[in-house]
Amino acid sequence: MHLHRLGTGAKVGGIGAVVLAAATWAQAQGNWFTVAGNPADAAADTVQVDPVPVRRERDARIMYVRVSRATPRRNWDGVGYRSYESEVHFDCRTRRAHYRQARFYDQPLWRGDAHTHSDYTGDPKPMLFKDMAPNPTQRIVRAACGT
């Protein structure tokens, strides 16, 4: 996993990957389908999916998922956030989804600048939506895989 802190005076390794990810996510803006919550309510747990896969393979899909949490959270690496945008690999054979990359924001609803970019391609993290009820994980996997 590669962790990049973003912001003034911060060291950023792999700047090309960060710029590419930012450009790619920026292209995806406006195509979001709300699976849970309310994208206009900063106090709601919200999950949105871009319904157009980035890449489609026989038994897998790569899609963008973004999440805004009602309260501050920490990711696997201890990084604090209120919202994040991510690239997710959906394995349709095993019915599981894993984060490949994510950009984390201090503010809800993806406001402000992302402060951290995490690359999980070498150590994918499971898409779980802990403490969210109802939990939309399996609903998103079914929709992504078309079953």
Protein backbone atom coordinates (compact mmCIF):
# COMPACT_ATOMS: atom_id res chain seq x y z
CA MET A 1 0.00 0.00 0.00
CA HIS A 2 1.29 3.42 -0.93
CA LEU A 3 0.09 6.34 1.14
CA HIS A 4 0.39 9.87 -0.13
CA ARG A 5 -0.33 12.90 2.03
CA LEU A 6 -1.56 15.77 -0.06
CA GLY A 7 -1.42 19.47 0.74
CA THR A 8 0.88 22.43 1.18
CA GLY A 9 4.41 21.51 2.17
CA ALA A 10 3.68 17.78 2.20
CA LYS A 11 5.90 15.27 0.46
CA VAL A 12 4.11 13.42 -2.31
CA GLY A 13 5.60 10.31 -3.84
CA GLY A 14 4.27 8.98 -7.11
CA ILE A 15 2.83 12.35 -8.13
CA GLY A 16 2.00 10.99 -11.57
CA ALA A 17 -0.36 8.42 -10.04
CA VAL A 18 -2.01 11.08 -7.89
CA VAL A 19 -2.50 13.43 -10.85
CA LEU A 20 -3.82 10.61 -13.04
CA ALA A 21 -6.24 9.46 -10.35
CA ALA A 22 -7.46 13.01 -9.78
CA ALA A 23 -8.02 13.55 -13.49
CA THR A 24 -9.82 10.22 -13.84
CA TRP A 25 -12.09 10.85 -10.84
CA ALA A 26 -12.81 14.36 -12.08
CA GLN A 27 -14.07 12.86 -15.35
CA ALA A 28 -16.47 10.66 -13.39
CA GLN A 29 -18.19 13.60 -11.68
CA GLY A 30 -21.87 13.90 -12.43
CA ASN A 31 -22.60 10.22 -13.13
CA TRP A 32 -23.26 9.21 -9.52
CA PHE A 33 -26.15 6.93 -8.52
CA THR A 34 -27.09 7.21 -4.83
CA VAL A 35 -27.30 3.75 -3.24
CA ALA A 36 -27.76 4.92 0.35
CA GLY A 37 -28.19 8.24 2.14
CA ASN A 38 -28.62 11.73 0.75
CA PRO A 39 -25.86 13.51 -1.20
CA ALA A 40 -27.25 16.88 -0.06
CA ASP A 41 -27.12 16.03 3.67
CA ALA A 42 -23.70 16.21 5.35
CA ALA A 43 -25.14 14.49 8.43
CA ALA A 44 -26.13 11.33 6.51
CA ASP A 45 -24.12 8.23 5.68
CA THR A 46 -24.14 8.34 1.88
CA VAL A 47 -22.86 5.88 -0.71
CA GLN A 48 -22.80 6.62 -4.42
CA VAL A 49 -21.66 4.52 -7.38
CA ASP A 50 -20.77 5.60 -10.89
CA PRO A 51 -22.87 3.04 -12.82
CA VAL A 52 -20.50 2.99 -15.82
CA PRO A 53 -17.63 0.56 -15.20
CA VAL A 54 -14.11 1.86 -15.72
CA ARG A 55 -13.21 -1.61 -16.98
CA ARG A 56 -15.22 -4.77 -17.52
CA GLU A 57 -13.75 -8.25 -17.58
CA ARG A 58 -15.44 -11.62 -17.76
CA ASP A 59 -15.90 -12.09 -14.00
CA ALA A 60 -14.90 -8.66 -12.72
CA ARG A 61 -15.69 -4.97 -12.89
CA ILE A 62 -13.70 -1.88 -11.89
CA MET A 63 -16.00 0.95 -10.78
CA TYR A 64 -15.91 4.21 -8.87
CA VAL A 65 -17.60 4.35 -5.47
CA ARG A 66 -17.72 7.36 -3.18
CA VAL A 67 -18.77 7.54 0.44
CA SER A 68 -19.58 10.33 2.87
CA ARG A 69 -19.93 9.42 6.53
CA ALA A 70 -22.13 11.16 9.10
CA THR A 71 -19.31 11.28 11.65
CA PRO A 72 -15.49 11.30 11.43
CA ARG A 73 -13.93 7.90 10.73
CA ARG A 74 -10.48 6.34 10.34
CA ASN A 75 -9.38 4.04 7.54
CA TRP A 76 -7.21 0.90 7.86
CA ASP A 77 -4.08 3.04 8.09
CA GLY A 78 -5.46 5.28 10.82
CA VAL A 79 -6.09 8.17 8.42
CA GLY A 80 -9.01 10.33 9.51
CA TYR A 81 -11.72 11.25 7.01
CA ARG A 82 -15.37 12.23 6.58
CA SER A 83 -15.63 11.25 2.92
CA TYR A 84 -13.69 9.46 0.20
CA GLU A 85 -13.74 8.64 -3.50
CA SER A 86 -12.48 5.23 -4.53
CA GLU A 87 -11.78 2.80 -7.32
CA VAL A 88 -13.22 -0.62 -6.48
CA HIS A 89 -12.59 -4.06 -7.98
CA PHE A 90 -15.72 -6.23 -7.99
CA ASP A 91 -15.04 -9.98 -8.20
CA CYS A 92 -18.32 -11.32 -9.55
CA ARG A 93 -17.29 -14.95 -9.04
CA THR A 94 -16.63 -14.60 -5.29
CA ARG A 95 -19.23 -11.81 -4.81
CA ARG A 96 -16.68 -9.55 -3.08
CA ALA A 97 -15.41 -6.03 -3.67
CA HIS A 98 -12.06 -4.50 -2.75
CA TYR A 99 -10.70 -0.97 -2.80
CA ARG A 100 -7.82 -0.44 -5.23
CA GLN A 101 -7.36 3.30 -4.60
CA ALA A 102 -8.98 5.97 -2.47
CA ARG A 103 -8.77 9.74 -1.94
CA PHE A 104 -9.76 10.91 1.54
CA TYR A 105 -11.34 14.24 2.54
CA ASP A 106 -11.64 15.91 5.96
CA GLN A 107 -15.03 17.33 4.98
CA PRO A 108 -18.25 15.43 4.25
CA LEU A 109 -19.66 15.21 0.72
CA TRP A 110 -16.19 15.35 -0.91
CA ARG A 111 -15.76 19.06 -0.13
CA GLY A 112 -12.40 20.76 -0.09
CA ASP A 113 -9.19 19.16 -1.20
CA ALA A 114 -8.36 15.51 -0.68
CA HIS A 115 -5.67 15.23 2.00
CA THR A 116 -4.56 11.64 1.35
CA HIS A 117 -4.39 9.31 -1.62
CA SER A 118 -4.02 5.61 -0.81
CA ASP A 119 -3.03 3.00 -3.39
CA TYR A 120 -4.18 -0.46 -2.30
CA THR A 121 -3.46 -2.31 -5.56
CA GLY A 122 -0.78 -4.41 -3.84
CA ASP A 123 -2.92 -5.01 -0.74
CA PRO A 124 -6.61 -4.49 -1.63
CA LYS A 125 -8.93 -3.58 1.25
CA PRO A 126 -12.45 -5.06 1.45
CA MET A 127 -15.43 -2.81 0.74
CA LEU A 128 -17.49 -3.25 3.93
CA PHE A 129 -19.22 0.00 5.04
CA LYS A 130 -18.82 -0.82 8.73
CA ASP A 131 -21.49 0.51 11.09
CA MET A 132 -23.78 1.50 8.22
CA ALA A 133 -27.37 0.25 8.42
CA PRO A 134 -28.73 -1.02 6.23
CA ASN A 135 -25.37 -2.08 4.86
CA PRO A 136 -25.32 -1.63 1.06
CA THR A 137 -22.30 -3.84 0.28
CA GLN A 138 -24.07 -6.87 -1.23
CA ARG A 139 -26.62 -4.68 -3.01
CA ILE A 140 -23.76 -2.82 -4.75
CA VAL A 141 -21.96 -6.07 -5.63
CA ARG A 142 -25.15 -7.53 -7.14
CA ALA A 143 -25.76 -4.39 -9.17
CA ALA A 144 -22.14 -4.16 -10.36
CA CYS A 145 -22.09 -7.81 -11.40
CA GLY A 146 -25.54 -7.72 -12.98
CA THR A 147 -27.16 -10.41 -10.83
